PDB file of N, CA and C in Angstrom:
ATOM      1  N   MET A   1       7.316  13.757 -15.755  1.00  0.00           N
ATOM      2  CA  MET A   1       6.237  12.127 -15.471  1.00  0.00           C
ATOM      3  C   MET A   1       5.996  12.414 -13.861  1.00  0.00           C
ATOM      4  N   PRO A   2       4.786  12.045 -13.233  1.00  0.00           N
ATOM      5  CA  PRO A   2       5.498  11.992 -12.049  1.00  0.00           C
ATOM      6  C   PRO A   2       5.302  10.317 -12.065  1.00  0.00           C
ATOM      7  N   LEU A   3       5.895  10.493 -11.025  1.00  0.00           N
ATOM      8  CA  LEU A   3       7.005   8.564 -10.564  1.00  0.00           C
ATOM      9  C   LEU A   3       5.891   8.702  -9.416  1.00  0.00           C
ATOM     10  N   THR A   4       5.566   6.695  -9.539  1.00  0.00           N
ATOM     11  CA  THR A   4       4.794   6.270  -8.664  1.00  0.00           C
ATOM     12  C   THR A   4       6.394   5.438  -8.601  1.00  0.00           C
ATOM     13  N   THR A   5       6.513   5.556  -6.768  1.00  0.00           N
ATOM     14  CA  THR A   5       7.863   5.217  -5.938  1.00  0.00           C
ATOM     15  C   THR A   5       7.649   4.025  -5.218  1.00  0.00           C
ATOM     16  N   GLN A   6       8.240   2.583  -4.924  1.00  0.00           N
ATOM     17  CA  GLN A   6       8.333   2.125  -3.840  1.00  0.00           C
ATOM     18  C   GLN A   6       9.653   1.241  -3.028  1.00  0.00           C
ATOM     19  N   THR A   7       9.968   1.462  -1.643  1.00  0.00           N
ATOM     20  CA  THR A   7      10.762   1.069  -0.895  1.00  0.00           C
ATOM     21  C   THR A   7      10.803  -0.554  -0.763  1.00  0.00           C
ATOM     22  N   ASN A   8      12.066  -0.644  -1.099  1.00  0.00           N
ATOM     23  CA  ASN A   8      12.265  -2.395  -0.852  1.00  0.00           C
ATOM     24  C   ASN A   8      13.678  -2.272   0.149  1.00  0.00           C
ATOM     25  N   ASP A   9      13.387  -3.123   0.797  1.00  0.00           N
ATOM     26  CA  ASP A   9      14.956  -3.483   2.513  1.00  0.00           C
ATOM     27  C   ASP A   9      15.659  -3.665   1.111  1.00  0.00           C
ATOM     28  N   PRO A  10      16.590  -3.061   1.183  1.00  0.00           N
ATOM     29  CA  PRO A  10      17.751  -3.819   0.625  1.00  0.00           C
ATOM     30  C   PRO A  10      18.729  -4.663   0.710  1.00  0.00           C
ATOM     31  N   SER A  11      18.646  -4.938   2.196  1.00  0.00           N
ATOM     32  CA  SER A  11      19.588  -6.347   2.699  1.00  0.00           C
ATOM     33  C   SER A  11      18.560  -7.235   1.888  1.00  0.00           C
ATOM     34  N   SER A  12      17.475  -7.149   1.373  1.00  0.00           N
ATOM     35  CA  SER A  12      16.479  -8.863   0.969  1.00  0.00           C
ATOM     36  C   SER A  12      16.829  -8.283  -0.141  1.00  0.00           C
ATOM     37  N   VAL A  13      17.959  -9.710  -0.998  1.00  0.00           N
ATOM     38  CA  VAL A  13      18.064  -9.422  -1.817  1.00  0.00           C
ATOM     39  C   VAL A  13      16.980 -11.171  -2.592  1.00  0.00           C
ATOM     40  N   GLY A  14      16.682 -10.689  -4.019  1.00  0.00           N
ATOM     41  CA  GLY A  14      16.670 -11.738  -4.739  1.00  0.00           C
ATOM     42  C   GLY A  14      15.820 -11.172  -5.760  1.00  0.00           C
ATOM     43  N   THR A  15      14.098 -12.534  -6.206  1.00  0.00           N
ATOM     44  CA  THR A  15      14.137 -11.907  -8.260  1.00  0.00           C
ATOM     45  C   THR A  15      12.626 -11.646  -7.326  1.00  0.00           C
ATOM     46  N   ILE A  16      12.326 -10.738  -8.433  1.00  0.00           N
ATOM     47  CA  ILE A  16      10.680 -10.331  -8.165  1.00  0.00           C
ATOM     48  C   ILE A  16       9.530 -10.836  -9.708  1.00  0.00           C
ATOM     49  N   PRO A  17       8.603 -12.110  -8.929  1.00  0.00           N
ATOM     50  CA  PRO A  17       7.516 -12.649  -9.770  1.00  0.00           C
ATOM     51  C   PRO A  17       7.064 -12.120 -10.645  1.00  0.00           C
ATOM     52  N   ASP A  18       6.436 -12.129 -11.684  1.00  0.00           N
ATOM     53  CA  ASP A  18       5.827 -11.295 -12.066  1.00  0.00           C
ATOM     54  C   ASP A  18       4.293 -10.778 -11.556  1.00  0.00           C
ATOM     55  N   ASN A  19       4.676  -9.371 -10.918  1.00  0.00           N
ATOM     56  CA  ASN A  19       2.776  -9.959 -10.722  1.00  0.00           C
ATOM     57  C   ASN A  19       2.853  -9.454  -9.289  1.00  0.00           C
ATOM     58  N   ALA A  20       4.144  -9.084  -8.788  1.00  0.00           N
ATOM     59  CA  ALA A  20       4.638 -10.180  -6.849  1.00  0.00           C
ATOM     60  C   ALA A  20       3.816  -8.621  -6.343  1.00  0.00           C
ATOM     61  N   ASN A  21       3.913  -8.575  -5.489  1.00  0.00           N
ATOM     62  CA  ASN A  21       4.021  -7.526  -4.741  1.00  0.00           C
ATOM     63  C   ASN A  21       4.752  -7.136  -3.550  1.00  0.00           C
ATOM     64  N   ILE A  22       5.378  -6.639  -3.230  1.00  0.00           N
ATOM     65  CA  ILE A  22       6.070  -6.366  -2.248  1.00  0.00           C
ATOM     66  C   ILE A  22       5.940  -6.447  -0.412  1.00  0.00           C
ATOM     67  N   SER A  23       6.600  -7.488   0.527  1.00  0.00           N
ATOM     68  CA  SER A  23       5.857  -7.250   1.364  1.00  0.00           C
ATOM     69  C   SER A  23       6.660  -6.010   2.405  1.00  0.00           C
ATOM     70  N   GLY A  24       6.130  -5.413   2.995  1.00  0.00           N
ATOM     71  CA  GLY A  24       6.673  -3.960   3.432  1.00  0.00           C
ATOM     72  C   GLY A  24       7.249  -2.966   2.442  1.00  0.00           C
ATOM     73  N   SER A  25       6.471  -3.083   1.784  1.00  0.00           N
ATOM     74  CA  SER A  25       6.665  -1.526   0.664  1.00  0.00           C
ATOM     75  C   SER A  25       5.787  -0.802   0.434  1.00  0.00           C
ATOM     76  N   ALA A  26       6.930   1.084   0.668  1.00  0.00           N
ATOM     77  CA  ALA A  26       5.297   2.011   0.696  1.00  0.00           C
ATOM     78  C   ALA A  26       5.929   2.954   0.212  1.00  0.00           C
ATOM     79  N   THR A  27       4.206   3.777  -0.456  1.00  0.00           N
ATOM     80  CA  THR A  27       4.890   4.419  -0.696  1.00  0.00           C
ATOM     81  C   THR A  27       5.967   5.070  -0.280  1.00  0.00           C
ATOM     82  N   ALA A  28       5.964   6.416  -1.491  1.00  0.00           N
ATOM     83  CA  ALA A  28       7.675   7.301  -1.092  1.00  0.00           C
ATOM     84  C   ALA A  28       8.284   8.255  -2.762  1.00  0.00           C
ATOM     85  N   ASN A  29       8.480   9.160  -1.976  1.00  0.00           N
ATOM     86  CA  ASN A  29       9.077  10.691  -3.109  1.00  0.00           C
ATOM     87  C   ASN A  29      10.475   9.966  -3.006  1.00  0.00           C
ATOM     88  N   LEU A  30      10.511  10.203  -3.906  1.00  0.00           N
ATOM     89  CA  LEU A  30      12.945  10.396  -3.938  1.00  0.00           C
ATOM     90  C   LEU A  30      13.466  11.759  -5.908  1.00  0.00           C
ATOM     91  N   ASN A  31      13.959  12.021  -4.696  1.00  0.00           N
ATOM     92  CA  ASN A  31      14.154  13.478  -5.556  1.00  0.00           C
ATOM     93  C   ASN A  31      15.808  12.891  -6.001  1.00  0.00           C
ATOM     94  N   ILE A  32      15.732  12.348  -6.884  1.00  0.00           N
ATOM     95  CA  ILE A  32      17.016  11.973  -7.543  1.00  0.00           C
ATOM     96  C   ILE A  32      18.341  12.338  -7.867  1.00  0.00           C
ATOM     97  N   ASN A  33      18.478  13.941  -8.570  1.00  0.00           N
ATOM     98  CA  ASN A  33      19.502  15.043  -8.645  1.00  0.00           C
ATOM     99  C   ASN A  33      19.798  15.443  -7.032  1.00  0.00           C
ATOM    100  N   SER A  34      18.734  14.890  -5.871  1.00  0.00           N
ATOM    101  CA  SER A  34      19.512  15.223  -3.938  1.00  0.00           C
ATOM    102  C   SER A  34      19.514  14.542  -3.061  1.00  0.00           C
ATOM    103  N   VAL A  35      20.117  12.845  -3.424  1.00  0.00           N
ATOM    104  CA  VAL A  35      20.219  11.893  -3.280  1.00  0.00           C
ATOM    105  C   VAL A  35      20.189  12.091  -1.692  1.00  0.00           C
ATOM    106  N   SER A  36      20.837  10.681  -0.757  1.00  0.00           N
ATOM    107  CA  SER A  36      21.554  11.163   0.332  1.00  0.00           C
ATOM    108  C   SER A  36      21.999   9.945   1.116  1.00  0.00           C
ATOM    109  N   LEU A  37      22.237   9.389   2.253  1.00  0.00           N
ATOM    110  CA  LEU A  37      22.479   7.409   2.550  1.00  0.00           C
ATOM    111  C   LEU A  37      21.331   6.836   3.123  1.00  0.00           C
ATOM    112  N   THR A  38      20.727   7.571   3.786  1.00  0.00           N
ATOM    113  CA  THR A  38      19.416   7.977   4.040  1.00  0.00           C
ATOM    114  C   THR A  38      18.066   8.079   3.085  1.00  0.00           C
ATOM    115  N   ASP A  39      18.657   7.418   1.190  1.00  0.00           N
ATOM    116  CA  ASP A  39      17.836   7.127   0.765  1.00  0.00           C
ATOM    117  C   ASP A  39      17.790   6.332  -0.157  1.00  0.00           C
ATOM    118  N   ALA A  40      18.575   5.268   0.882  1.00  0.00           N
ATOM    119  CA  ALA A  40      19.278   4.039   0.602  1.00  0.00           C
ATOM    120  C   ALA A  40      18.763   3.215   0.044  1.00  0.00           C
ATOM    121  N   GLY A  41      18.791   1.953  -0.884  1.00  0.00           N
ATOM    122  CA  GLY A  41      17.613   1.219  -0.986  1.00  0.00           C
ATOM    123  C   GLY A  41      17.631   1.118  -2.618  1.00  0.00           C
ATOM    124  N   ALA A  42      16.205  -0.255  -2.790  1.00  0.00           N
ATOM    125  CA  ALA A  42      15.659   0.076  -4.279  1.00  0.00           C
ATOM    126  C   ALA A  42      15.027  -0.056  -4.159  1.00  0.00           C
ATOM    127  N   TYR A  43      14.300   0.883  -5.656  1.00  0.00           N
ATOM    128  CA  TYR A  43      12.994   1.528  -5.806  1.00  0.00           C
ATOM    129  C   TYR A  43      12.579   1.439  -7.107  1.00  0.00           C
ATOM    130  N   ILE A  44      11.284   0.516  -6.866  1.00  0.00           N
ATOM    131  CA  ILE A  44      10.615   0.478  -8.406  1.00  0.00           C
ATOM    132  C   ILE A  44       9.954   1.294  -8.679  1.00  0.00           C
ATOM    133  N   CYS A  45      10.231   1.303  -9.636  1.00  0.00           N
ATOM    134  CA  CYS A  45       9.761   3.403 -10.289  1.00  0.00           C
ATOM    135  C   CYS A  45       8.761   3.027 -11.296  1.00  0.00           C
ATOM    136  N   ILE A  46       7.573   3.104 -11.437  1.00  0.00           N
ATOM    137  CA  ILE A  46       6.348   3.175 -12.474  1.00  0.00           C
ATOM    138  C   ILE A  46       6.013   4.257 -12.578  1.00  0.00           C
ATOM    139  N   VAL A  47       5.669   4.712 -14.790  1.00  0.00           N
ATOM    140  CA  VAL A  47       5.163   6.049 -14.901  1.00  0.00           C
ATOM    141  C   VAL A  47       3.616   6.123 -14.707  1.00  0.00           C
ATOM    142  N   SER A  48       2.883   6.780 -13.308  1.00  0.00           N
ATOM    143  CA  SER A  48       1.403   7.288 -13.815  1.00  0.00           C
ATOM    144  C   SER A  48       1.890   6.436 -15.102  1.00  0.00           C
ATOM    145  N   GLY A  49       0.433   6.201 -15.599  1.00  0.00           N
ATOM    146  CA  GLY A  49      -0.169   5.954 -16.472  1.00  0.00           C
ATOM    147  C   GLY A  49      -0.308   5.137 -17.136  1.00  0.00           C
ATOM    148  N   GLU A  50       1.365   4.615 -17.832  1.00  0.00           N
ATOM    149  CA  GLU A  50       2.236   4.072 -18.599  1.00  0.00           C
ATOM    150  C   GLU A  50       1.346   2.623 -18.248  1.00  0.00           C
ATOM    151  N   SER A  51       1.869   1.640 -18.985  1.00  0.00           N
ATOM    152  CA  SER A  51       2.016  -0.058 -18.687  1.00  0.00           C
ATOM    153  C   SER A  51       3.029  -0.312 -19.015  1.00  0.00           C
ATOM    154  N   SER A  52       4.208  -0.262 -19.594  1.00  0.00           N
ATOM    155  CA  SER A  52       5.234  -0.940 -19.492  1.00  0.00           C
ATOM    156  C   SER A  52       5.928  -1.293 -17.809  1.00  0.00           C
ATOM    157  N   ALA A  53       6.997  -2.102 -18.383  1.00  0.00           N
ATOM    158  CA  ALA A  53       7.684  -2.419 -17.108  1.00  0.00           C
ATOM    159  C   ALA A  53       7.796  -1.914 -16.307  1.00  0.00           C
ATOM    160  N   PRO A  54       8.073  -1.869 -14.863  1.00  0.00           N
ATOM    161  CA  PRO A  54       8.823  -1.599 -14.624  1.00  0.00           C
ATOM    162  C   PRO A  54       9.961  -0.780 -14.188  1.00  0.00           C
ATOM    163  N   ALA A  55      10.506   0.181 -13.872  1.00  0.00           N
ATOM    164  CA  ALA A  55      12.195   0.457 -13.785  1.00  0.00           C
ATOM    165  C   ALA A  55      13.079   0.384 -12.101  1.00  0.00           C
ATOM    166  N   ILE A  56      13.824  -1.138 -11.855  1.00  0.00           N
ATOM    167  CA  ILE A  56      13.881  -1.056 -10.495  1.00  0.00           C
ATOM    168  C   ILE A  56      15.242  -0.018 -10.458  1.00  0.00           C
ATOM    169  N   LEU A  57      15.966   1.409  -9.990  1.00  0.00           N
ATOM    170  CA  LEU A  57      16.235   2.379  -9.525  1.00  0.00           C
ATOM    171  C   LEU A  57      17.804   1.627  -7.851  1.00  0.00           C
ATOM    172  N   THR A  58      18.809   0.909  -7.694  1.00  0.00           N
ATOM    173  CA  THR A  58      18.818   1.089  -6.551  1.00  0.00           C
ATOM    174  C   THR A  58      20.319   1.824  -6.340  1.00  0.00           C
ATOM    175  N   ILE A  59      19.412   2.649  -4.392  1.00  0.00           N
ATOM    176  CA  ILE A  59      20.267   3.714  -5.084  1.00  0.00           C
ATOM    177  C   ILE A  59      21.829   3.203  -3.508  1.00  0.00           C
TER     178      ILE A  59
END
């Protein structure tokens, strides 16, 4: 299944309220089989077409 990922500034630590938008976020593609230092950050992963809660992935 394709993933929709959004990046967030890793230097900004806090909580994400329900139904929140992350300011400064942008759609990105991340290949979790091949990551590098340039991919560092926190990603919110939502499986397209699913209504489950998103997963937060930190690289």
